[in-house]
Amino acid sequence: MATLNIKQFPDDLHRRLRQRALRDRRSVAQEVVQLLSEALAAEQPTSILALRGLGAVHFQGVDAAALVQEERDAWT
């Protein structure tokens, strides 16, 4: 099994990590492994770049600035 050393680990972050480990009845090392496992297993959110062009057919010929202003005006 590999070893991971982290230099210049912020004291506040270490304190919060230690508190979380105590709450979850784990060692700090076990808590780090758990958190990293969850973070790496989580599905990445869709990038805004992947959304380019979606809905273009619905807004064809629409003045975007006017539409935004109309929505803002409706908020007040």
PDB file of N, CA and C in Angstrom:
ATOM      1  N   MET A   1       0.850  -1.164   0.000  1.00  0.00           N
ATOM      2  CA  MET A   1       0.000   0.000   0.000  1.00  0.00           C
ATOM      3  C   MET A   1       0.904   1.239   0.000  1.00  0.00           C
ATOM      4  N   ALA A   2       0.512   2.261  -0.721  1.00  0.00           N
ATOM      5  CA  ALA A   2       1.302   3.475  -0.848  1.00  0.00           C
ATOM      6  C   ALA A   2       1.184   4.352   0.387  1.00  0.00           C
ATOM      7  N   THR A   3       2.168   5.238   0.543  1.00  0.00           N
ATOM      8  CA  THR A   3       2.168   6.214   1.620  1.00  0.00           C
ATOM      9  C   THR A   3       2.071   7.601   1.011  1.00  0.00           C
ATOM     10  N   LEU A   4       1.281   8.458   1.633  1.00  0.00           N
ATOM     11  CA  LEU A   4       1.098   9.823   1.147  1.00  0.00           C
ATOM     12  C   LEU A   4       1.479  10.785   2.260  1.00  0.00           C
ATOM     13  N   ASN A   5       2.437  11.649   1.990  1.00  0.00           N
ATOM     14  CA  ASN A   5       2.829  12.703   2.935  1.00  0.00           C
ATOM     15  C   ASN A   5       2.410  14.031   2.338  1.00  0.00           C
ATOM     16  N   ILE A   6       1.828  14.886   3.153  1.00  0.00           N
ATOM     17  CA  ILE A   6       1.384  16.193   2.690  1.00  0.00           C
ATOM     18  C   ILE A   6       2.132  17.266   3.467  1.00  0.00           C
ATOM     19  N   LYS A   7       2.863  18.088   2.743  1.00  0.00           N
ATOM     20  CA  LYS A   7       3.611  19.172   3.376  1.00  0.00           C
ATOM     21  C   LYS A   7       2.745  20.424   3.426  1.00  0.00           C
ATOM     22  N   GLN A   8       2.999  21.249   4.421  1.00  0.00           N
ATOM     23  CA  GLN A   8       2.317  22.531   4.604  1.00  0.00           C
ATOM     24  C   GLN A   8       0.793  22.373   4.638  1.00  0.00           C
ATOM     25  N   PHE A   9       0.327  21.363   5.351  1.00  0.00           N
ATOM     26  CA  PHE A   9      -1.102  21.110   5.512  1.00  0.00           C
ATOM     27  C   PHE A   9      -1.646  22.152   6.487  1.00  0.00           C
ATOM     28  N   PRO A  10      -2.647  22.922   6.102  1.00  0.00           N
ATOM     29  CA  PRO A  10      -3.165  23.993   6.973  1.00  0.00           C
ATOM     30  C   PRO A  10      -3.670  23.442   8.314  1.00  0.00           C
ATOM     31  N   ASP A  11      -3.288  24.137   9.383  1.00  0.00           N
ATOM     32  CA  ASP A  11      -3.668  23.700  10.735  1.00  0.00           C
ATOM     33  C   ASP A  11      -5.177  23.609  10.908  1.00  0.00           C
ATOM     34  N   ASP A  12      -5.906  24.601  10.404  1.00  0.00           N
ATOM     35  CA  ASP A  12      -7.361  24.599  10.550  1.00  0.00           C
ATOM     36  C   ASP A  12      -7.987  23.409   9.830  1.00  0.00           C
ATOM     37  N   LEU A  13      -7.483  23.109   8.658  1.00  0.00           N
ATOM     38  CA  LEU A  13      -8.007  21.968   7.900  1.00  0.00           C
ATOM     39  C   LEU A  13      -7.708  20.662   8.628  1.00  0.00           C
ATOM     40  N   HIS A  14      -6.525  20.555   9.212  1.00  0.00           N
ATOM     41  CA  HIS A  14      -6.174  19.348   9.969  1.00  0.00           C
ATOM     42  C   HIS A  14      -7.077  19.199  11.192  1.00  0.00           C
ATOM     43  N   ARG A  15      -7.347  20.321  11.878  1.00  0.00           N
ATOM     44  CA  ARG A  15      -8.227  20.284  13.043  1.00  0.00           C
ATOM     45  C   ARG A  15      -9.622  19.794  12.652  1.00  0.00           C
ATOM     46  N   ARG A  16     -10.153  20.345  11.546  1.00  0.00           N
ATOM     47  CA  ARG A  16     -11.490  19.940  11.098  1.00  0.00           C
ATOM     48  C   ARG A  16     -11.505  18.485  10.639  1.00  0.00           C
ATOM     49  N   LEU A  17     -10.433  18.053  10.010  1.00  0.00           N
ATOM     50  CA  LEU A  17     -10.329  16.658   9.577  1.00  0.00           C
ATOM     51  C   LEU A  17     -10.287  15.722  10.782  1.00  0.00           C
ATOM     52  N   ARG A  18      -9.523  16.101  11.795  1.00  0.00           N
ATOM     53  CA  ARG A  18      -9.426  15.296  13.014  1.00  0.00           C
ATOM     54  C   ARG A  18     -10.784  15.216  13.711  1.00  0.00           C
ATOM     55  N   GLN A  19     -11.518  16.333  13.771  1.00  0.00           N
ATOM     56  CA  GLN A  19     -12.851  16.330  14.377  1.00  0.00           C
ATOM     57  C   GLN A  19     -13.802  15.420  13.611  1.00  0.00           C
ATOM     58  N   ARG A  20     -13.728  15.477  12.303  1.00  0.00           N
ATOM     59  CA  ARG A  20     -14.593  14.634  11.482  1.00  0.00           C
ATOM     60  C   ARG A  20     -14.249  13.157  11.677  1.00  0.00           C
ATOM     61  N   ALA A  21     -12.964  12.862  11.749  1.00  0.00           N
ATOM     62  CA  ALA A  21     -12.534  11.480  11.968  1.00  0.00           C
ATOM     63  C   ALA A  21     -13.051  10.963  13.309  1.00  0.00           C
ATOM     64  N   LEU A  22     -12.964  11.795  14.343  1.00  0.00           N
ATOM     65  CA  LEU A  22     -13.493  11.392  15.653  1.00  0.00           C
ATOM     66  C   LEU A  22     -14.988  11.134  15.586  1.00  0.00           C
ATOM     67  N   ARG A  23     -15.699  12.016  14.898  1.00  0.00           N
ATOM     68  CA  ARG A  23     -17.150  11.867  14.766  1.00  0.00           C
ATOM     69  C   ARG A  23     -17.506  10.550  14.069  1.00  0.00           C
ATOM     70  N   ASP A  24     -16.709  10.206  13.055  1.00  0.00           N
ATOM     71  CA  ASP A  24     -16.971   8.991  12.273  1.00  0.00           C
ATOM     72  C   ASP A  24     -16.273   7.758  12.832  1.00  0.00           C
ATOM     73  N   ARG A  25     -15.616   7.931  13.983  1.00  0.00           N
ATOM     74  CA  ARG A  25     -14.898   6.840  14.654  1.00  0.00           C
ATOM     75  C   ARG A  25     -13.849   6.208  13.732  1.00  0.00           C
ATOM     76  N   ARG A  26     -13.055   7.087  13.114  1.00  0.00           N
ATOM     77  CA  ARG A  26     -11.972   6.652  12.238  1.00  0.00           C
ATOM     78  C   ARG A  26     -10.697   7.370  12.662  1.00  0.00           C
ATOM     79  N   SER A  27      -9.574   6.833  12.210  1.00  0.00           N
ATOM     80  CA  SER A  27      -8.326   7.570  12.364  1.00  0.00           C
ATOM     81  C   SER A  27      -8.307   8.675  11.315  1.00  0.00           C
ATOM     82  N   VAL A  28      -7.416   9.629  11.477  1.00  0.00           N
ATOM     83  CA  VAL A  28      -7.304  10.703  10.493  1.00  0.00           C
ATOM     84  C   VAL A  28      -6.956  10.103   9.132  1.00  0.00           C
ATOM     85  N   ALA A  29      -6.046   9.140   9.108  1.00  0.00           N
ATOM     86  CA  ALA A  29      -5.657   8.504   7.840  1.00  0.00           C
ATOM     87  C   ALA A  29      -6.853   7.803   7.187  1.00  0.00           C
ATOM     88  N   GLN A  30      -7.648   7.082   7.977  1.00  0.00           N
ATOM     89  CA  GLN A  30      -8.832   6.405   7.440  1.00  0.00           C
ATOM     90  C   GLN A  30      -9.838   7.417   6.898  1.00  0.00           C
ATOM     91  N   GLU A  31      -9.974   8.544   7.601  1.00  0.00           N
ATOM     92  CA  GLU A  31     -10.912   9.573   7.156  1.00  0.00           C
ATOM     93  C   GLU A  31     -10.462  10.180   5.836  1.00  0.00           C
ATOM     94  N   VAL A  32      -9.164  10.412   5.694  1.00  0.00           N
ATOM     95  CA  VAL A  32      -8.628  10.951   4.438  1.00  0.00           C
ATOM     96  C   VAL A  32      -8.903   9.981   3.293  1.00  0.00           C
ATOM     97  N   VAL A  33      -8.653   8.705   3.513  1.00  0.00           N
ATOM     98  CA  VAL A  33      -8.907   7.697   2.473  1.00  0.00           C
ATOM     99  C   VAL A  33     -10.387   7.670   2.111  1.00  0.00           C
ATOM    100  N   GLN A  34     -11.264   7.730   3.107  1.00  0.00           N
ATOM    101  CA  GLN A  34     -12.706   7.715   2.865  1.00  0.00           C
ATOM    102  C   GLN A  34     -13.137   8.933   2.048  1.00  0.00           C
ATOM    103  N   LEU A  35     -12.687  10.116   2.459  1.00  0.00           N
ATOM    104  CA  LEU A  35     -13.063  11.346   1.761  1.00  0.00           C
ATOM    105  C   LEU A  35     -12.540  11.361   0.321  1.00  0.00           C
ATOM    106  N   LEU A  36     -11.308  10.945   0.138  1.00  0.00           N
ATOM    107  CA  LEU A  36     -10.752  10.903  -1.215  1.00  0.00           C
ATOM    108  C   LEU A  36     -11.475   9.874  -2.074  1.00  0.00           C
ATOM    109  N   SER A  37     -11.802   8.731  -1.504  1.00  0.00           N
ATOM    110  CA  SER A  37     -12.534   7.699  -2.255  1.00  0.00           C
ATOM    111  C   SER A  37     -13.884   8.223  -2.720  1.00  0.00           C
ATOM    112  N   GLU A  38     -14.603   8.898  -1.818  1.00  0.00           N
ATOM    113  CA  GLU A  38     -15.911   9.459  -2.172  1.00  0.00           C
ATOM    114  C   GLU A  38     -15.783  10.546  -3.238  1.00  0.00           C
ATOM    115  N   ALA A  39     -14.791  11.403  -3.064  1.00  0.00           N
ATOM    116  CA  ALA A  39     -14.611  12.508  -4.013  1.00  0.00           C
ATOM    117  C   ALA A  39     -14.244  12.002  -5.405  1.00  0.00           C
ATOM    118  N   LEU A  40     -13.404  10.992  -5.463  1.00  0.00           N
ATOM    119  CA  LEU A  40     -12.976  10.474  -6.762  1.00  0.00           C
ATOM    120  C   LEU A  40     -14.027   9.591  -7.416  1.00  0.00           C
ATOM    121  N   ALA A  41     -14.922   9.026  -6.622  1.00  0.00           N
ATOM    122  CA  ALA A  41     -15.985   8.179  -7.172  1.00  0.00           C
ATOM    123  C   ALA A  41     -17.172   9.005  -7.649  1.00  0.00           C
ATOM    124  N   ALA A  42     -17.285  10.238  -7.142  1.00  0.00           N
ATOM    125  CA  ALA A  42     -18.423  11.089  -7.498  1.00  0.00           C
ATOM    126  C   ALA A  42     -18.370  11.460  -8.969  1.00  0.00           C
ATOM    127  N   GLU A  43     -19.542  11.466  -9.586  1.00  0.00           N
ATOM    128  CA  GLU A  43     -19.631  11.843 -10.990  1.00  0.00           C
ATOM    129  C   GLU A  43     -19.344  13.336 -11.126  1.00  0.00           C
ATOM    130  N   GLN A  44     -18.545  13.681 -12.105  1.00  0.00           N
ATOM    131  CA  GLN A  44     -18.199  15.077 -12.339  1.00  0.00           C
ATOM    132  C   GLN A  44     -19.388  15.805 -12.955  1.00  0.00           C
ATOM    133  N   PRO A  45     -19.644  17.027 -12.516  1.00  0.00           N
ATOM    134  CA  PRO A  45     -20.742  17.786 -13.110  1.00  0.00           C
ATOM    135  C   PRO A  45     -20.432  18.130 -14.561  1.00  0.00           C
ATOM    136  N   THR A  46     -21.466  18.317 -15.334  1.00  0.00           N
ATOM    137  CA  THR A  46     -21.297  18.680 -16.731  1.00  0.00           C
ATOM    138  C   THR A  46     -20.641  20.045 -16.828  1.00  0.00           C
ATOM    139  N   SER A  47     -19.665  20.137 -17.693  1.00  0.00           N
ATOM    140  CA  SER A  47     -18.988  21.403 -17.914  1.00  0.00           C
ATOM    141  C   SER A  47     -19.896  22.347 -18.685  1.00  0.00           C
ATOM    142  N   ILE A  48     -19.772  23.622 -18.413  1.00  0.00           N
ATOM    143  CA  ILE A  48     -20.548  24.619 -19.148  1.00  0.00           C
ATOM    144  C   ILE A  48     -20.209  24.554 -20.629  1.00  0.00           C
ATOM    145  N   LEU A  49     -18.986  24.136 -20.958  1.00  0.00           N
ATOM    146  CA  LEU A  49     -18.586  24.035 -22.356  1.00  0.00           C
ATOM    147  C   LEU A  49     -19.371  22.946 -23.082  1.00  0.00           C
ATOM    148  N   ALA A  50     -19.799  21.922 -22.343  1.00  0.00           N
ATOM    149  CA  ALA A  50     -20.570  20.846 -22.957  1.00  0.00           C
ATOM    150  C   ALA A  50     -21.985  21.295 -23.296  1.00  0.00           C
ATOM    151  N   LEU A  51     -22.416  22.411 -22.729  1.00  0.00           N
ATOM    152  CA  LEU A  51     -23.781  22.892 -22.953  1.00  0.00           C
ATOM    153  C   LEU A  51     -23.893  23.783 -24.187  1.00  0.00           C
ATOM    154  N   ARG A  52     -22.773  24.130 -24.774  1.00  0.00           N
ATOM    155  CA  ARG A  52     -22.779  25.039 -25.914  1.00  0.00           C
ATOM    156  C   ARG A  52     -23.728  24.529 -26.992  1.00  0.00           C
ATOM    157  N   GLY A  53     -24.645  25.379 -27.412  1.00  0.00           N
ATOM    158  CA  GLY A  53     -25.561  25.055 -28.505  1.00  0.00           C
ATOM    159  C   GLY A  53     -26.862  24.412 -28.081  1.00  0.00           C
ATOM    160  N   LEU A  54     -26.943  23.936 -26.848  1.00  0.00           N
ATOM    161  CA  LEU A  54     -28.184  23.309 -26.415  1.00  0.00           C
ATOM    162  C   LEU A  54     -29.277  24.361 -26.297  1.00  0.00           C
ATOM    163  N   GLY A  55     -30.420  24.099 -26.840  1.00  0.00           N
ATOM    164  CA  GLY A  55     -31.536  25.017 -26.765  1.00  0.00           C
ATOM    165  C   GLY A  55     -31.471  26.132 -27.794  1.00  0.00           C
ATOM    166  N   ALA A  56     -30.465  26.098 -28.654  1.00  0.00           N
ATOM    167  CA  ALA A  56     -30.303  27.167 -29.646  1.00  0.00           C
ATOM    168  C   ALA A  56     -31.544  27.298 -30.515  1.00  0.00           C
ATOM    169  N   VAL A  57     -32.189  26.184 -30.818  1.00  0.00           N
ATOM    170  CA  VAL A  57     -33.367  26.220 -31.674  1.00  0.00           C
ATOM    171  C   VAL A  57     -34.501  26.996 -31.010  1.00  0.00           C
ATOM    172  N   HIS A  58     -34.559  26.964 -29.671  1.00  0.00           N
ATOM    173  CA  HIS A  58     -35.627  27.647 -28.945  1.00  0.00           C
ATOM    174  C   HIS A  58     -35.407  29.155 -28.870  1.00  0.00           C
ATOM    175  N   PHE A  59     -34.153  29.568 -28.999  1.00  0.00           N
ATOM    176  CA  PHE A  59     -33.839  30.985 -28.863  1.00  0.00           C
ATOM    177  C   PHE A  59     -33.408  31.622 -30.180  1.00  0.00           C
ATOM    178  N   GLN A  60     -33.652  30.929 -31.267  1.00  0.00           N
ATOM    179  CA  GLN A  60     -33.297  31.463 -32.573  1.00  0.00           C
ATOM    180  C   GLN A  60     -34.112  32.729 -32.839  1.00  0.00           C
ATOM    181  N   GLY A  61     -33.430  33.815 -33.158  1.00  0.00           N
ATOM    182  CA  GLY A  61     -34.093  35.073 -33.444  1.00  0.00           C
ATOM    183  C   GLY A  61     -34.476  35.880 -32.215  1.00  0.00           C
ATOM    184  N   VAL A  62     -34.124  35.418 -31.036  1.00  0.00           N
ATOM    185  CA  VAL A  62     -34.454  36.118 -29.795  1.00  0.00           C
ATOM    186  C   VAL A  62     -33.271  37.009 -29.405  1.00  0.00           C
ATOM    187  N   ASP A  63     -33.557  38.241 -29.043  1.00  0.00           N
ATOM    188  CA  ASP A  63     -32.528  39.161 -28.561  1.00  0.00           C
ATOM    189  C   ASP A  63     -32.234  38.798 -27.108  1.00  0.00           C
ATOM    190  N   ALA A  64     -31.067  38.190 -26.869  1.00  0.00           N
ATOM    191  CA  ALA A  64     -30.729  37.692 -25.534  1.00  0.00           C
ATOM    192  C   ALA A  64     -30.702  38.810 -24.503  1.00  0.00           C
ATOM    193  N   ALA A  65     -30.134  39.951 -24.865  1.00  0.00           N
ATOM    194  CA  ALA A  65     -30.049  41.071 -23.919  1.00  0.00           C
ATOM    195  C   ALA A  65     -31.440  41.553 -23.530  1.00  0.00           C
ATOM    196  N   ALA A  66     -32.335  41.638 -24.498  1.00  0.00           N
ATOM    197  CA  ALA A  66     -33.701  42.076 -24.219  1.00  0.00           C
ATOM    198  C   ALA A  66     -34.423  41.059 -23.337  1.00  0.00           C
ATOM    199  N   LEU A  67     -34.207  39.784 -23.606  1.00  0.00           N
ATOM    200  CA  LEU A  67     -34.833  38.732 -22.814  1.00  0.00           C
ATOM    201  C   LEU A  67     -34.353  38.787 -21.362  1.00  0.00           C
ATOM    202  N   VAL A  68     -33.056  38.969 -21.169  1.00  0.00           N
ATOM    203  CA  VAL A  68     -32.502  39.062 -19.813  1.00  0.00           C
ATOM    204  C   VAL A  68     -33.074  40.283 -19.100  1.00  0.00           C
ATOM    205  N   GLN A  69     -33.125  41.417 -19.796  1.00  0.00           N
ATOM    206  CA  GLN A  69     -33.676  42.627 -19.180  1.00  0.00           C
ATOM    207  C   GLN A  69     -35.136  42.445 -18.811  1.00  0.00           C
ATOM    208  N   GLU A  70     -35.878  41.775 -19.663  1.00  0.00           N
ATOM    209  CA  GLU A  70     -37.292  41.508 -19.394  1.00  0.00           C
ATOM    210  C   GLU A  70     -37.440  40.654 -18.134  1.00  0.00           C
ATOM    211  N   GLU A  71     -36.587  39.654 -17.989  1.00  0.00           N
ATOM    212  CA  GLU A  71     -36.636  38.790 -16.802  1.00  0.00           C
ATOM    213  C   GLU A  71     -36.270  39.588 -15.554  1.00  0.00           C
ATOM    214  N   ARG A  72     -35.230  40.401 -15.659  1.00  0.00           N
ATOM    215  CA  ARG A  72     -34.827  41.220 -14.510  1.00  0.00           C
ATOM    216  C   ARG A  72     -35.924  42.180 -14.093  1.00  0.00           C
ATOM    217  N   ASP A  73     -36.571  42.780 -15.063  1.00  0.00           N
ATOM    218  CA  ASP A  73     -37.666  43.699 -14.775  1.00  0.00           C
ATOM    219  C   ASP A  73     -38.824  42.987 -14.073  1.00  0.00           C
ATOM    220  N   ALA A  74     -39.025  41.724 -14.384  1.00  0.00           N
ATOM    221  CA  ALA A  74     -40.116  40.957 -13.794  1.00  0.00           C
ATOM    222  C   ALA A  74     -39.851  40.628 -12.318  1.00  0.00           C
ATOM    223  N   TRP A  75     -38.601  40.702 -11.894  1.00  0.00           N
ATOM    224  CA  TRP A  75     -38.241  40.391 -10.507  1.00  0.00           C
ATOM    225  C   TRP A  75     -38.650  41.492  -9.541  1.00  0.00           C
ATOM    226  N   THR A  76     -38.816  42.701 -10.065  1.00  0.00           N
ATOM    227  CA  THR A  76     -39.091  43.832  -9.155  1.00  0.00           C
ATOM    228  C   THR A  76     -40.561  44.124  -9.061  1.00  0.00           C
TER     229      THR A  76
END
